C-alpha atoms as a PDB file:
ATOM      1  CA  MET A   1     168.308 163.952  70.213  1.00  0.00           C
ATOM      2  CA  ILE A   2     167.633 162.669  73.699  1.00  0.00           C
ATOM      3  CA  PHE A   3     164.211 163.207  75.255  1.00  0.00           C
ATOM      4  CA  ASP A   4     162.766 161.738  78.410  1.00  0.00           C
ATOM      5  CA  SER A   5     159.150 160.625  78.845  1.00  0.00           C
ATOM      6  CA  GLU A   6     158.081 164.239  79.448  1.00  0.00           C
ATOM      7  CA  LEU A   7     159.923 165.513  76.354  1.00  0.00           C
ATOM      8  CA  ASN A   8     162.569 167.130  78.558  1.00  0.00           C
ATOM      9  CA  ILE A   9     165.845 167.878  76.763  1.00  0.00           C
ATOM     10  CA  ALA A  10     168.059 168.400  79.832  1.00  0.00           C
ATOM     11  CA  GLN A  11     169.994 165.170  79.240  1.00  0.00           C
ATOM     12  CA  HIS A  12     170.629 166.112  75.616  1.00  0.00           C
ATOM     13  CA  CYS A  13     171.918 169.527  76.688  1.00  0.00           C
ATOM     14  CA  LYS A  14     174.235 167.975  79.272  1.00  0.00           C
ATOM     15  CA  GLU A  15     175.704 165.575  76.737  1.00  0.00           C
ATOM     16  CA  THR A  16     176.116 168.359  74.182  1.00  0.00           C
ATOM     17  CA  ILE A  17     177.874 170.534  76.751  1.00  0.00           C
ATOM     18  CA  ASN A  18     180.176 167.684  77.793  1.00  0.00           C
ATOM     19  CA  ALA A  19     181.112 167.040  74.165  1.00  0.00           C
ATOM     20  CA  ALA A  20     181.822 170.748  73.662  1.00  0.00           C
ATOM     21  CA  TYR A  21     184.124 170.783  76.697  1.00  0.00           C
ATOM     22  CA  SER A  22     185.918 167.748  75.277  1.00  0.00           C
ATOM     23  CA  TYR A  23     186.549 169.603  72.034  1.00  0.00           C
ATOM     24  CA  LEU A  24     187.792 172.610  73.994  1.00  0.00           C
ATOM     25  CA  GLY A  25     190.225 170.320  75.777  1.00  0.00           C
ATOM     26  CA  ILE A  26     191.516 169.062  72.452  1.00  0.00           C
ATOM     27  CA  ILE A  27     192.037 172.622  71.247  1.00  0.00           C
ATOM     28  CA  LYS A  28     193.763 173.638  74.491  1.00  0.00           C
ATOM     29  CA  ARG A  29     196.110 170.635  74.501  1.00  0.00           C
ATOM     30  CA  ASN A  30     197.117 170.891  70.850  1.00  0.00           C
ATOM     31  CA  PHE A  31     197.381 174.642  70.298  1.00  0.00           C
ATOM     32  CA  ILE A  32     199.519 176.484  72.841  1.00  0.00           C
ATOM     33  CA  TYR A  33     199.177 179.973  71.393  1.00  0.00           C
ATOM     34  CA  LEU A  34     196.096 180.789  69.378  1.00  0.00           C
ATOM     35  CA  ASP A  35     195.647 184.038  67.543  1.00  0.00           C
ATOM     36  CA  GLU A  36     192.109 185.324  67.166  1.00  0.00           C
ATOM     37  CA  ASN A  37     191.545 184.081  63.610  1.00  0.00           C
ATOM     38  CA  ALA A  38     192.839 180.578  64.281  1.00  0.00           C
ATOM     39  CA  PHE A  39     190.743 180.320  67.422  1.00  0.00           C
ATOM     40  CA  VAL A  40     187.546 181.415  65.681  1.00  0.00           C
ATOM     41  CA  MET A  41     188.100 178.891  62.904  1.00  0.00           C
ATOM     42  CA  LEU A  42     188.735 176.019  65.338  1.00  0.00           C
ATOM     43  CA  TYR A  43     185.968 177.057  67.704  1.00  0.00           C
ATOM     44  CA  LYS A  44     183.322 177.407  65.013  1.00  0.00           C
ATOM     45  CA  SER A  45     184.209 174.145  63.327  1.00  0.00           C
ATOM     46  CA  LEU A  46     184.639 171.931  66.405  1.00  0.00           C
ATOM     47  CA  VAL A  47     182.783 173.416  69.360  1.00  0.00           C
ATOM     48  CA  ARG A  48     180.146 175.814  68.121  1.00  0.00           C
ATOM     49  CA  SER A  49     178.888 173.496  65.409  1.00  0.00           C
ATOM     50  CA  ASN A  50     178.303 170.863  68.081  1.00  0.00           C
ATOM     51  CA  LEU A  51     176.434 173.315  70.324  1.00  0.00           C
ATOM     52  CA  GLU A  52     174.271 174.626  67.503  1.00  0.00           C
ATOM     53  CA  TYR A  53     173.362 171.270  65.968  1.00  0.00           C
ATOM     54  CA  ALA A  54     169.549 170.982  65.793  1.00  0.00           C
ATOM     55  CA  ASN A  55     169.101 173.901  68.187  1.00  0.00           C
ATOM     56  CA  SER A  56     165.776 174.771  66.594  1.00  0.00           C
ATOM     57  CA  ILE A  57     164.455 171.485  67.976  1.00  0.00           C
ATOM     58  CA  TRP A  58     166.021 171.435  71.433  1.00  0.00           C
ATOM     59  CA  ASN A  59     166.080 175.209  72.060  1.00  0.00           C
ATOM     60  CA  PRO A  60     166.573 175.428  75.848  1.00  0.00           C
ATOM     61  CA  HIS A  61     164.105 177.604  77.716  1.00  0.00           C
ATOM     62  CA  ARG A  62     165.376 177.072  81.248  1.00  0.00           C
ATOM     63  CA  LEU A  63     167.755 179.719  82.499  1.00  0.00           C
ATOM     64  CA  GLY A  64     170.052 177.086  84.006  1.00  0.00           C
ATOM     65  CA  LEU A  65     170.541 175.326  80.676  1.00  0.00           C
ATOM     66  CA  ILE A  66     171.099 178.596  78.857  1.00  0.00           C
ATOM     67  CA  LYS A  67     173.737 179.615  81.414  1.00  0.00           C
ATOM     68  CA  ASP A  68     175.445 176.235  81.133  1.00  0.00           C
ATOM     69  CA  LEU A  69     175.616 176.580  77.357  1.00  0.00           C
ATOM     70  CA  GLU A  70     176.953 180.115  77.633  1.00  0.00           C
ATOM     71  CA  LYS A  71     179.665 178.985  80.096  1.00  0.00           C
ATOM     72  CA  VAL A  72     181.159 176.842  77.363  1.00  0.00           C
ATOM     73  CA  GLN A  73     181.689 179.883  75.179  1.00  0.00           C
ATOM     74  CA  MET A  74     182.925 181.957  78.129  1.00  0.00           C
ATOM     75  CA  ARG A  75     185.617 179.395  78.831  1.00  0.00           C
ATOM     76  CA  ALA A  76     186.439 178.981  75.155  1.00  0.00           C
ATOM     77  CA  THR A  77     187.069 182.673  74.561  1.00  0.00           C
ATOM     78  CA  LYS A  78     189.606 182.672  77.397  1.00  0.00           C
ATOM     79  CA  LEU A  79     191.823 180.351  75.347  1.00  0.00           C
ATOM     80  CA  VAL A  80     192.939 183.325  73.256  1.00  0.00           C
ATOM     81  CA  ILE A  81     195.779 184.660  75.384  1.00  0.00           C
ATOM     82  CA  SER A  82     195.814 188.145  73.850  1.00  0.00           C
ATOM     83  CA  ILE A  83     192.219 188.841  74.968  1.00  0.00           C
ATOM     84  CA  LYS A  84     192.017 186.642  78.056  1.00  0.00           C
ATOM     85  CA  ASN A  85     191.817 189.588  80.465  1.00  0.00           C
ATOM     86  CA  LEU A  86     188.934 191.341  78.690  1.00  0.00           C
ATOM     87  CA  THR A  87     185.341 190.983  79.816  1.00  0.00           C
ATOM     88  CA  TYR A  88     183.234 188.307  78.179  1.00  0.00           C
ATOM     89  CA  LYS A  89     181.280 190.833  76.105  1.00  0.00           C
ATOM     90  CA  ASP A  90     184.486 192.491  74.931  1.00  0.00           C
ATOM     91  CA  ARG A  91     185.986 189.113  73.991  1.00  0.00           C
ATOM     92  CA  LEU A  92     182.877 188.326  71.929  1.00  0.00           C
ATOM     93  CA  LYS A  93     183.050 191.684  70.162  1.00  0.00           C
ATOM     94  CA  ARG A  94     186.732 191.235  69.419  1.00  0.00           C
ATOM     95  CA  LEU A  95     186.160 187.734  68.020  1.00  0.00           C
ATOM     96  CA  LYS A  96     182.936 188.799  66.254  1.00  0.00           C
ATOM     97  CA  LEU A  97     180.921 186.020  67.886  1.00  0.00           C
ATOM     98  CA  PRO A  98     177.298 186.337  69.019  1.00  0.00           C
ATOM     99  CA  THR A  99     176.215 184.900  72.339  1.00  0.00           C
ATOM    100  CA  LEU A 100     174.788 181.404  72.270  1.00  0.00           C
ATOM    101  CA  LYS A 101     171.622 182.749  73.869  1.00  0.00           C
ATOM    102  CA  TYR A 102     171.146 184.966  70.817  1.00  0.00           C
ATOM    103  CA  LEU A 103     171.402 181.978  68.469  1.00  0.00           C
ATOM    104  CA  THR A 104     168.968 179.815  70.411  1.00  0.00           C
ATOM    105  CA  SER A 105     166.275 182.494  70.696  1.00  0.00           C
END
């Protein structure tokens, strides 16, 4: 956990988001076609676990940080070619994933 002198967690969130994007890059480079089940397994084990780690402690309350966290999942769900053209909410329903905002509330 990274806190500044005012107990701000923005730096921790930025580093967590950057790590999540790195994992997404690994998935994208190594798996050309992902079906829904394979994606969910990879996403939950590599990316989502990183985003959710200790979220009860660093739970972001700023809208900007929440949106930045949610963008990771938005981009990740587009890796599944068969559902790429659906809306974000429809992709989440199809993959049976809750929003990150829901988990951090």
